PDB file of N, CA and C in Angstrom:
ATOM      1  N   MET A   1     129.061  49.582  89.668  1.00  0.00           N
ATOM      2  CA  MET A   1     130.183  49.810  88.504  1.00  0.00           C
ATOM      3  C   MET A   1     130.010  50.897  87.600  1.00  0.00           C
ATOM      4  N   GLY A   2     130.707  51.545  87.491  1.00  0.00           N
ATOM      5  CA  GLY A   2     130.712  52.952  86.702  1.00  0.00           C
ATOM      6  C   GLY A   2     130.317  52.916  85.168  1.00  0.00           C
ATOM      7  N   ARG A   3     130.465  54.018  84.557  1.00  0.00           N
ATOM      8  CA  ARG A   3     130.298  53.880  82.913  1.00  0.00           C
ATOM      9  C   ARG A   3     130.944  53.448  82.487  1.00  0.00           C
ATOM     10  N   PHE A   4     132.486  53.389  82.775  1.00  0.00           N
ATOM     11  CA  PHE A   4     133.374  52.831  81.736  1.00  0.00           C
ATOM     12  C   PHE A   4     133.230  51.287  81.975  1.00  0.00           C
ATOM     13  N   GLY A   5     133.021  51.007  83.338  1.00  0.00           N
ATOM     14  CA  GLY A   5     132.848  49.390  83.270  1.00  0.00           C
ATOM     15  C   GLY A   5     131.561  48.588  82.632  1.00  0.00           C
ATOM     16  N   GLN A   6     130.784  49.535  82.666  1.00  0.00           N
ATOM     17  CA  GLN A   6     129.504  49.016  81.927  1.00  0.00           C
ATOM     18  C   GLN A   6     129.790  49.075  80.429  1.00  0.00           C
ATOM     19  N   SER A   7     130.345  50.176  79.861  1.00  0.00           N
ATOM     20  CA  SER A   7     130.779  49.934  78.617  1.00  0.00           C
ATOM     21  C   SER A   7     131.624  49.072  78.199  1.00  0.00           C
ATOM     22  N   VAL A   8     132.495  48.572  78.918  1.00  0.00           N
ATOM     23  CA  VAL A   8     133.386  47.368  78.541  1.00  0.00           C
ATOM     24  C   VAL A   8     132.874  46.073  78.673  1.00  0.00           C
ATOM     25  N   VAL A   9     131.858  45.933  79.607  1.00  0.00           N
ATOM     26  CA  VAL A   9     130.749  44.686  79.610  1.00  0.00           C
ATOM     27  C   VAL A   9     129.867  44.658  78.533  1.00  0.00           C
ATOM     28  N   TYR A  10     129.238  45.642  78.095  1.00  0.00           N
ATOM     29  CA  TYR A  10     128.428  45.712  76.843  1.00  0.00           C
ATOM     30  C   TYR A  10     129.126  45.636  75.932  1.00  0.00           C
ATOM     31  N   GLY A  11     130.182  45.946  75.681  1.00  0.00           N
ATOM     32  CA  GLY A  11     131.098  45.962  74.726  1.00  0.00           C
ATOM     33  C   GLY A  11     131.581  44.603  74.336  1.00  0.00           C
ATOM     34  N   GLY A  12     131.879  44.043  75.291  1.00  0.00           N
ATOM     35  CA  GLY A  12     132.524  42.415  75.463  1.00  0.00           C
ATOM     36  C   GLY A  12     131.316  41.729  75.058  1.00  0.00           C
ATOM     37  N   LEU A  13     129.893  41.789  75.460  1.00  0.00           N
ATOM     38  CA  LEU A  13     128.856  41.001  75.290  1.00  0.00           C
ATOM     39  C   LEU A  13     128.693  40.815  73.591  1.00  0.00           C
ATOM     40  N   PHE A  14     128.395  42.214  73.383  1.00  0.00           N
ATOM     41  CA  PHE A  14     128.214  42.251  71.971  1.00  0.00           C
ATOM     42  C   PHE A  14     129.313  41.586  70.907  1.00  0.00           C
ATOM     43  N   THR A  15     130.683  41.893  71.361  1.00  0.00           N
ATOM     44  CA  THR A  15     131.556  41.208  70.660  1.00  0.00           C
ATOM     45  C   THR A  15     131.687  39.819  70.642  1.00  0.00           C
ATOM     46  N   PHE A  16     131.276  39.338  71.996  1.00  0.00           N
ATOM     47  CA  PHE A  16     131.254  37.993  72.068  1.00  0.00           C
ATOM     48  C   PHE A  16     130.415  37.250  71.108  1.00  0.00           C
ATOM     49  N   TRP A  17     129.058  37.912  70.863  1.00  0.00           N
ATOM     50  CA  TRP A  17     128.083  37.173  69.897  1.00  0.00           C
ATOM     51  C   TRP A  17     128.540  37.396  68.608  1.00  0.00           C
ATOM     52  N   ILE A  18     128.941  38.796  68.289  1.00  0.00           N
ATOM     53  CA  ILE A  18     129.498  38.902  66.854  1.00  0.00           C
ATOM     54  C   ILE A  18     130.486  37.795  66.622  1.00  0.00           C
ATOM     55  N   MET A  19     131.412  37.659  67.463  1.00  0.00           N
ATOM     56  CA  MET A  19     132.702  36.980  67.141  1.00  0.00           C
ATOM     57  C   MET A  19     132.394  35.143  67.178  1.00  0.00           C
ATOM     58  N   CYS A  20     131.545  35.037  67.465  1.00  0.00           N
ATOM     59  CA  CYS A  20     131.270  33.632  67.805  1.00  0.00           C
ATOM     60  C   CYS A  20     130.618  33.296  65.990  1.00  0.00           C
ATOM     61  N   PHE A  21     129.959  34.183  65.288  1.00  0.00           N
ATOM     62  CA  PHE A  21     129.467  33.892  64.094  1.00  0.00           C
ATOM     63  C   PHE A  21     130.501  34.247  63.296  1.00  0.00           C
ATOM     64  N   TYR A  22     131.397  35.198  63.494  1.00  0.00           N
ATOM     65  CA  TYR A  22     132.469  35.329  62.698  1.00  0.00           C
ATOM     66  C   TYR A  22     133.757  34.306  62.849  1.00  0.00           C
ATOM     67  N   PHE A  23     133.935  33.920  63.652  1.00  0.00           N
ATOM     68  CA  PHE A  23     134.740  32.618  64.092  1.00  0.00           C
ATOM     69  C   PHE A  23     134.095  31.508  63.455  1.00  0.00           C
ATOM     70  N   GLY A  24     133.115  31.171  63.559  1.00  0.00           N
ATOM     71  CA  GLY A  24     132.558  29.946  63.075  1.00  0.00           C
ATOM     72  C   GLY A  24     132.690  29.955  61.300  1.00  0.00           C
ATOM     73  N   PHE A  25     131.972  31.218  60.891  1.00  0.00           N
ATOM     74  CA  PHE A  25     132.098  30.977  59.416  1.00  0.00           C
ATOM     75  C   PHE A  25     133.419  31.026  58.803  1.00  0.00           C
ATOM     76  N   SER A  26     134.438  31.875  59.332  1.00  0.00           N
ATOM     77  CA  SER A  26     135.670  31.920  58.668  1.00  0.00           C
ATOM     78  C   SER A  26     136.327  30.612  58.940  1.00  0.00           C
ATOM     79  N   VAL A  27     136.402  29.805  59.973  1.00  0.00           N
ATOM     80  CA  VAL A  27     136.925  28.933  60.191  1.00  0.00           C
ATOM     81  C   VAL A  27     136.504  27.665  59.300  1.00  0.00           C
ATOM     82  N   LEU A  28     134.971  27.379  59.042  1.00  0.00           N
ATOM     83  CA  LEU A  28     134.392  26.646  57.969  1.00  0.00           C
ATOM     84  C   LEU A  28     134.796  26.986  56.855  1.00  0.00           C
ATOM     85  N   SER A  29     134.766  28.203  56.445  1.00  0.00           N
ATOM     86  CA  SER A  29     135.184  28.578  55.021  1.00  0.00           C
ATOM     87  C   SER A  29     136.671  28.098  54.692  1.00  0.00           C
ATOM     88  N   THR A  30     137.250  28.498  55.759  1.00  0.00           N
ATOM     89  CA  THR A  30     138.810  28.070  55.470  1.00  0.00           C
ATOM     90  C   THR A  30     139.273  26.552  55.400  1.00  0.00           C
ATOM     91  N   ALA A  31     138.506  25.948  56.486  1.00  0.00           N
ATOM     92  CA  ALA A  31     138.587  24.413  56.514  1.00  0.00           C
ATOM     93  C   ALA A  31     138.067  23.597  55.263  1.00  0.00           C
ATOM     94  N   PHE A  32     137.244  24.434  54.392  1.00  0.00           N
ATOM     95  CA  PHE A  32     136.641  23.613  53.272  1.00  0.00           C
ATOM     96  C   PHE A  32     137.600  24.090  52.346  1.00  0.00           C
ATOM     97  N   LYS A  33     138.429  24.926  52.230  1.00  0.00           N
ATOM     98  CA  LYS A  33     139.432  25.073  51.241  1.00  0.00           C
ATOM     99  C   LYS A  33     140.778  24.491  51.383  1.00  0.00           C
ATOM    100  N   GLY A  34     140.756  24.195  52.656  1.00  0.00           N
ATOM    101  CA  GLY A  34     142.158  23.448  52.974  1.00  0.00           C
ATOM    102  C   GLY A  34     143.160  24.171  53.514  1.00  0.00           C
ATOM    103  N   GLY A  35     142.869  25.533  53.908  1.00  0.00           N
ATOM    104  CA  GLY A  35     143.550  26.478  54.527  1.00  0.00           C
ATOM    105  C   GLY A  35     143.937  26.264  55.952  1.00  0.00           C
ATOM    106  N   ASP A  36     144.898  27.342  56.330  1.00  0.00           N
ATOM    107  CA  ASP A  36     145.307  27.043  57.615  1.00  0.00           C
ATOM    108  C   ASP A  36     144.350  27.793  58.703  1.00  0.00           C
ATOM    109  N   VAL A  37     143.554  26.881  59.517  1.00  0.00           N
ATOM    110  CA  VAL A  37     142.611  27.135  60.330  1.00  0.00           C
ATOM    111  C   VAL A  37     143.354  27.978  61.549  1.00  0.00           C
ATOM    112  N   VAL A  38     144.517  27.857  62.050  1.00  0.00           N
ATOM    113  CA  VAL A  38     144.827  28.282  63.417  1.00  0.00           C
ATOM    114  C   VAL A  38     145.237  29.858  62.870  1.00  0.00           C
ATOM    115  N   ALA A  39     145.653  30.039  61.733  1.00  0.00           N
ATOM    116  CA  ALA A  39     145.925  31.351  61.383  1.00  0.00           C
ATOM    117  C   ALA A  39     144.750  32.391  61.568  1.00  0.00           C
ATOM    118  N   VAL A  40     143.879  31.657  60.791  1.00  0.00           N
ATOM    119  CA  VAL A  40     142.257  32.153  60.718  1.00  0.00           C
ATOM    120  C   VAL A  40     141.846  32.518  62.244  1.00  0.00           C
ATOM    121  N   ALA A  41     141.914  31.707  62.840  1.00  0.00           N
ATOM    122  CA  ALA A  41     141.481  31.605  64.478  1.00  0.00           C
ATOM    123  C   ALA A  41     142.302  32.973  64.820  1.00  0.00           C
ATOM    124  N   GLY A  42     143.668  32.723  64.950  1.00  0.00           N
ATOM    125  CA  GLY A  42     144.341  34.160  65.242  1.00  0.00           C
ATOM    126  C   GLY A  42     144.029  35.529  64.929  1.00  0.00           C
ATOM    127  N   GLN A  43     143.646  35.296  63.705  1.00  0.00           N
ATOM    128  CA  GLN A  43     142.997  36.853  63.119  1.00  0.00           C
ATOM    129  C   GLN A  43     141.690  37.236  63.593  1.00  0.00           C
ATOM    130  N   SER A  44     140.974  35.960  63.882  1.00  0.00           N
ATOM    131  CA  SER A  44     139.561  36.230  64.520  1.00  0.00           C
ATOM    132  C   SER A  44     139.629  36.842  65.604  1.00  0.00           C
ATOM    133  N   VAL A  45     140.873  36.293  66.538  1.00  0.00           N
ATOM    134  CA  VAL A  45     140.730  36.776  68.026  1.00  0.00           C
ATOM    135  C   VAL A  45     141.355  38.311  68.110  1.00  0.00           C
ATOM    136  N   LEU A  46     142.276  38.619  66.952  1.00  0.00           N
ATOM    137  CA  LEU A  46     142.616  39.954  66.977  1.00  0.00           C
ATOM    138  C   LEU A  46     141.590  40.790  66.483  1.00  0.00           C
ATOM    139  N   VAL A  47     140.705  40.334  65.552  1.00  0.00           N
ATOM    140  CA  VAL A  47     139.582  41.599  65.214  1.00  0.00           C
ATOM    141  C   VAL A  47     138.566  41.607  66.339  1.00  0.00           C
ATOM    142  N   GLY A  48     138.413  40.518  67.136  1.00  0.00           N
ATOM    143  CA  GLY A  48     137.586  40.548  68.276  1.00  0.00           C
ATOM    144  C   GLY A  48     137.938  41.779  69.125  1.00  0.00           C
ATOM    145  N   PHE A  49     139.397  41.478  69.626  1.00  0.00           N
ATOM    146  CA  PHE A  49     139.799  42.736  70.613  1.00  0.00           C
ATOM    147  C   PHE A  49     139.756  44.150  69.969  1.00  0.00           C
ATOM    148  N   VAL A  50     139.949  44.163  68.661  1.00  0.00           N
ATOM    149  CA  VAL A  50     139.807  45.395  68.086  1.00  0.00           C
ATOM    150  C   VAL A  50     138.106  45.828  68.316  1.00  0.00           C
ATOM    151  N   LEU A  51     137.356  44.956  67.590  1.00  0.00           N
ATOM    152  CA  LEU A  51     136.024  45.294  67.897  1.00  0.00           C
ATOM    153  C   LEU A  51     135.416  45.621  69.262  1.00  0.00           C
ATOM    154  N   TRP A  52     136.111  44.856  70.314  1.00  0.00           N
ATOM    155  CA  TRP A  52     135.811  45.021  71.705  1.00  0.00           C
ATOM    156  C   TRP A  52     136.133  46.304  72.022  1.00  0.00           C
ATOM    157  N   PHE A  53     137.497  46.720  71.774  1.00  0.00           N
ATOM    158  CA  PHE A  53     137.903  48.169  72.158  1.00  0.00           C
ATOM    159  C   PHE A  53     136.940  49.386  71.535  1.00  0.00           C
ATOM    160  N   PHE A  54     136.498  48.755  70.094  1.00  0.00           N
ATOM    161  CA  PHE A  54     135.655  50.206  69.381  1.00  0.00           C
ATOM    162  C   PHE A  54     134.368  50.204  70.082  1.00  0.00           C
ATOM    163  N   LEU A  55     133.464  49.098  70.265  1.00  0.00           N
ATOM    164  CA  LEU A  55     132.366  49.098  71.022  1.00  0.00           C
ATOM    165  C   LEU A  55     132.545  49.486  72.284  1.00  0.00           C
ATOM    166  N   SER A  56     133.212  49.207  73.117  1.00  0.00           N
ATOM    167  CA  SER A  56     133.447  49.593  74.501  1.00  0.00           C
ATOM    168  C   SER A  56     133.432  51.277  74.398  1.00  0.00           C
ATOM    169  N   PHE A  57     134.354  51.896  73.303  1.00  0.00           N
ATOM    170  CA  PHE A  57     134.333  53.379  73.290  1.00  0.00           C
ATOM    171  C   PHE A  57     133.051  54.055  73.023  1.00  0.00           C
ATOM    172  N   VAL A  58     132.187  53.212  71.874  1.00  0.00           N
ATOM    173  CA  VAL A  58     130.850  53.960  71.391  1.00  0.00           C
ATOM    174  C   VAL A  58     129.925  53.843  72.548  1.00  0.00           C
ATOM    175  N   PHE A  59     129.916  52.603  73.439  1.00  0.00           N
ATOM    176  CA  PHE A  59     129.130  52.463  74.461  1.00  0.00           C
ATOM    177  C   PHE A  59     129.487  53.734  75.650  1.00  0.00           C
ATOM    178  N   TYR A  60     130.579  53.783  75.756  1.00  0.00           N
ATOM    179  CA  TYR A  60     130.999  54.941  76.653  1.00  0.00           C
ATOM    180  C   TYR A  60     130.527  56.207  76.200  1.00  0.00           C
ATOM    181  N   ASP A  61     130.575  56.674  75.027  1.00  0.00           N
ATOM    182  CA  ASP A  61     130.217  57.623  74.685  1.00  0.00           C
ATOM    183  C   ASP A  61     128.622  57.656  74.485  1.00  0.00           C
ATOM    184  N   LEU A  62     128.003  56.818  74.304  1.00  0.00           N
ATOM    185  CA  LEU A  62     126.547  56.661  74.078  1.00  0.00           C
ATOM    186  C   LEU A  62     126.016  56.828  75.686  1.00  0.00           C
ATOM    187  N   GLN A  63     126.791  56.436  76.655  1.00  0.00           N
ATOM    188  CA  GLN A  63     126.113  56.430  78.086  1.00  0.00           C
ATOM    189  C   GLN A  63     126.246  57.807  78.422  1.00  0.00           C
ATOM    190  N   GLY A  64     127.449  58.490  78.126  1.00  0.00           N
ATOM    191  CA  GLY A  64     127.742  59.907  78.384  1.00  0.00           C
ATOM    192  C   GLY A  64     126.658  60.894  77.728  1.00  0.00           C
ATOM    193  N   TRP A  65     126.291  60.781  76.526  1.00  0.00           N
ATOM    194  CA  TRP A  65     125.406  61.190  76.000  1.00  0.00           C
ATOM    195  C   TRP A  65     123.905  61.172  76.236  1.00  0.00           C
ATOM    196  N   ILE A  66     123.544  60.188  76.837  1.00  0.00           N
ATOM    197  CA  ILE A  66     122.417  59.654  77.581  1.00  0.00           C
ATOM    198  C   ILE A  66     122.205  60.315  78.591  1.00  0.00           C
ATOM    199  N   GLU A  67     123.422  60.511  79.473  1.00  0.00           N
ATOM    200  CA  GLU A  67     123.287  61.217  80.861  1.00  0.00           C
ATOM    201  C   GLU A  67     123.164  62.558  80.582  1.00  0.00           C
ATOM    202  N   GLU A  68     123.818  62.935  79.627  1.00  0.00           N
ATOM    203  CA  GLU A  68     123.655  64.680  79.263  1.00  0.00           C
ATOM    204  C   GLU A  68     122.434  64.876  79.062  1.00  0.00           C
ATOM    205  N   ARG A  69     121.666  64.026  78.250  1.00  0.00           N
ATOM    206  CA  ARG A  69     120.426  64.752  77.896  1.00  0.00           C
ATOM    207  C   ARG A  69     119.487  64.310  78.955  1.00  0.00           C
ATOM    208  N   ASN A  70     119.494  63.442  79.955  1.00  0.00           N
ATOM    209  CA  ASN A  70     118.505  63.289  80.831  1.00  0.00           C
ATOM    210  C   ASN A  70     118.843  63.950  81.910  1.00  0.00           C
ATOM    211  N   LYS A  71     119.751  64.819  82.072  1.00  0.00           N
ATOM    212  CA  LYS A  71     120.023  65.846  82.995  1.00  0.00           C
ATOM    213  C   LYS A  71     118.914  66.799  83.265  1.00  0.00           C
ATOM    214  N   PRO A  72     118.331  67.013  84.340  1.00  0.00           N
ATOM    215  CA  PRO A  72     117.368  68.326  84.934  1.00  0.00           C
ATOM    216  C   PRO A  72     117.999  69.479  84.300  1.00  0.00           C
ATOM    217  N   ARG A  73     117.175  70.260  83.471  1.00  0.00           N
ATOM    218  CA  ARG A  73     117.304  71.522  83.005  1.00  0.00           C
ATOM    219  C   ARG A  73     117.257  72.715  83.905  1.00  0.00           C
ATOM    220  N   GLU A  74     117.956  73.553  83.758  1.00  0.00           N
ATOM    221  CA  GLU A  74     118.160  74.821  84.915  1.00  0.00           C
ATOM    222  C   GLU A  74     116.621  75.547  84.390  1.00  0.00           C
ATOM    223  N   ALA A  75     116.194  76.033  85.525  1.00  0.00           N
ATOM    224  CA  ALA A  75     114.746  76.948  85.405  1.00  0.00           C
ATOM    225  C   ALA A  75     115.167  78.086  84.776  1.00  0.00           C
ATOM    226  N   ASP A  76     114.458  78.729  83.979  1.00  0.00           N
ATOM    227  CA  ASP A  76     114.634  80.018  83.363  1.00  0.00           C
ATOM    228  C   ASP A  76     114.600  81.224  84.325  1.00  0.00           C
ATOM    229  N   ASP A  77     115.585  81.979  84.363  1.00  0.00           N
ATOM    230  CA  ASP A  77     115.294  83.094  85.383  1.00  0.00           C
ATOM    231  C   ASP A  77     113.930  83.976  85.542  1.00  0.00           C
ATOM    232  N   ARG A  78     113.542  84.209  84.477  1.00  0.00           N
ATOM    233  CA  ARG A  78     112.366  84.942  84.527  1.00  0.00           C
ATOM    234  C   ARG A  78     111.258  84.414  84.962  1.00  0.00           C
ATOM    235  N   ARG A  79     111.284  82.961  84.551  1.00  0.00           N
ATOM    236  CA  ARG A  79     109.912  82.098  85.030  1.00  0.00           C
ATOM    237  C   ARG A  79     109.996  81.961  86.589  1.00  0.00           C
ATOM    238  N   SER A  80     111.546  81.723  87.269  1.00  0.00           N
ATOM    239  CA  SER A  80     111.660  81.396  88.508  1.00  0.00           C
ATOM    240  C   SER A  80     111.747  82.499  89.217  1.00  0.00           C
ATOM    241  N   SER A  81     111.308  83.876  89.096  1.00  0.00           N
ATOM    242  CA  SER A  81     111.410  84.808  90.011  1.00  0.00           C
ATOM    243  C   SER A  81     109.955  85.075  90.684  1.00  0.00           C
ATOM    244  N   SER A  82     110.119  85.116  91.821  1.00  0.00           N
ATOM    245  CA  SER A  82     108.716  85.213  92.486  1.00  0.00           C
ATOM    246  C   SER A  82     108.389  86.550  92.964  1.00  0.00           C
ATOM    247  N   ASP A  83     109.006  87.326  92.436  1.00  0.00           N
ATOM    248  CA  ASP A  83     108.676  88.978  92.561  1.00  0.00           C
ATOM    249  C   ASP A  83     107.775  89.534  91.827  1.00  0.00           C
ATOM    250  N   PRO A  84     106.653  89.560  91.895  1.00  0.00           N
ATOM    251  CA  PRO A  84     105.677  89.938  90.672  1.00  0.00           C
ATOM    252  C   PRO A  84     106.025  91.654  90.163  1.00  0.00           C
ATOM    253  N   ASP A  85     106.820  92.495  90.874  1.00  0.00           N
ATOM    254  CA  ASP A  85     106.934  93.602  90.474  1.00  0.00           C
ATOM    255  C   ASP A  85     108.532  93.843  89.679  1.00  0.00           C
ATOM    256  N   SER A  86     109.087  92.547  89.649  1.00  0.00           N
ATOM    257  CA  SER A  86     110.181  92.746  89.119  1.00  0.00           C
ATOM    258  C   SER A  86     110.368  92.819  87.404  1.00  0.00           C
ATOM    259  N   PRO A  87     111.376  93.676  86.677  1.00  0.00           N
ATOM    260  CA  PRO A  87     111.139  93.848  85.357  1.00  0.00           C
ATOM    261  C   PRO A  87     110.956  92.878  84.740  1.00  0.00           C
ATOM    262  N   GLU A  88     111.590  91.522  84.742  1.00  0.00           N
ATOM    263  CA  GLU A  88     111.303  90.256  84.174  1.00  0.00           C
ATOM    264  C   GLU A  88     110.079  90.238  83.951  1.00  0.00           C
ATOM    265  N   ASN A  89     109.120  90.050  85.186  1.00  0.00           N
ATOM    266  CA  ASN A  89     107.513  89.902  85.129  1.00  0.00           C
ATOM    267  C   ASN A  89     107.017  91.063  84.591  1.00  0.00           C
ATOM    268  N   GLN A  90     107.059  92.118  84.600  1.00  0.00           N
ATOM    269  CA  GLN A  90     106.367  93.205  83.821  1.00  0.00           C
ATOM    270  C   GLN A  90     106.309  93.309  82.175  1.00  0.00           C
ATOM    271  N   ARG A  91     107.064  92.532  81.626  1.00  0.00           N
ATOM    272  CA  ARG A  91     107.191  92.501  80.410  1.00  0.00           C
ATOM    273  C   ARG A  91     105.865  92.224  79.894  1.00  0.00           C
ATOM    274  N   GLY A  92     105.085  92.775  79.169  1.00  0.00           N
ATOM    275  CA  GLY A  92     104.130  92.332  78.318  1.00  0.00           C
ATOM    276  C   GLY A  92     102.882  93.170  78.895  1.00  0.00           C
ATOM    277  N   ARG A  93     103.000  93.408  80.208  1.00  0.00           N
ATOM    278  CA  ARG A  93     101.630  94.368  80.933  1.00  0.00           C
ATOM    279  C   ARG A  93     101.662  95.460  80.703  1.00  0.00           C
ATOM    280  N   HIS A  94     100.616  96.169  80.191  1.00  0.00           N
ATOM    281  CA  HIS A  94     100.357  97.355  79.823  1.00  0.00           C
ATOM    282  C   HIS A  94      99.287  98.039  80.736  1.00  0.00           C
ATOM    283  N   ILE A  95      99.791  99.104  81.498  1.00  0.00           N
ATOM    284  CA  ILE A  95      99.137  99.675  82.352  1.00  0.00           C
ATOM    285  C   ILE A  95      98.492 100.958  81.972  1.00  0.00           C
ATOM    286  N   ASP A  96      97.136 101.054  81.771  1.00  0.00           N
ATOM    287  CA  ASP A  96      96.638 102.269  80.870  1.00  0.00           C
ATOM    288  C   ASP A  96      96.254 103.245  81.979  1.00  0.00           C
ATOM    289  N   GLY A  97      96.558 104.672  81.466  1.00  0.00           N
ATOM    290  CA  GLY A  97      96.311 105.552  82.393  1.00  0.00           C
ATOM    291  C   GLY A  97      97.581 106.275  83.128  1.00  0.00           C
ATOM    292  N   LEU A  98      98.693 105.533  83.281  1.00  0.00           N
ATOM    293  CA  LEU A  98      99.802 105.889  84.010  1.00  0.00           C
ATOM    294  C   LEU A  98     100.964 106.482  83.222  1.00  0.00           C
TER     295      LEU A  98
END
């Protein structure tokens, strides 16, 4: 599964748990007031889809940032030069008497 698939799955899992509490509390509070429970359920589903989309985007961006951060860094040219007489490796050396 690629980065996009993982972000959709993780976003869906987090959304599911958040929406369980949101839906439960909103239906309970509406039912006690004598309101329209079906309208609240529809609103909860809409909020869930928006939250799923948002969290999927956040997780996709977060995974990209982590992959970029964990990428091996390029070696510095001065340190990777194997020629001891190259000008890069001669910096800081002082030869007396020449």
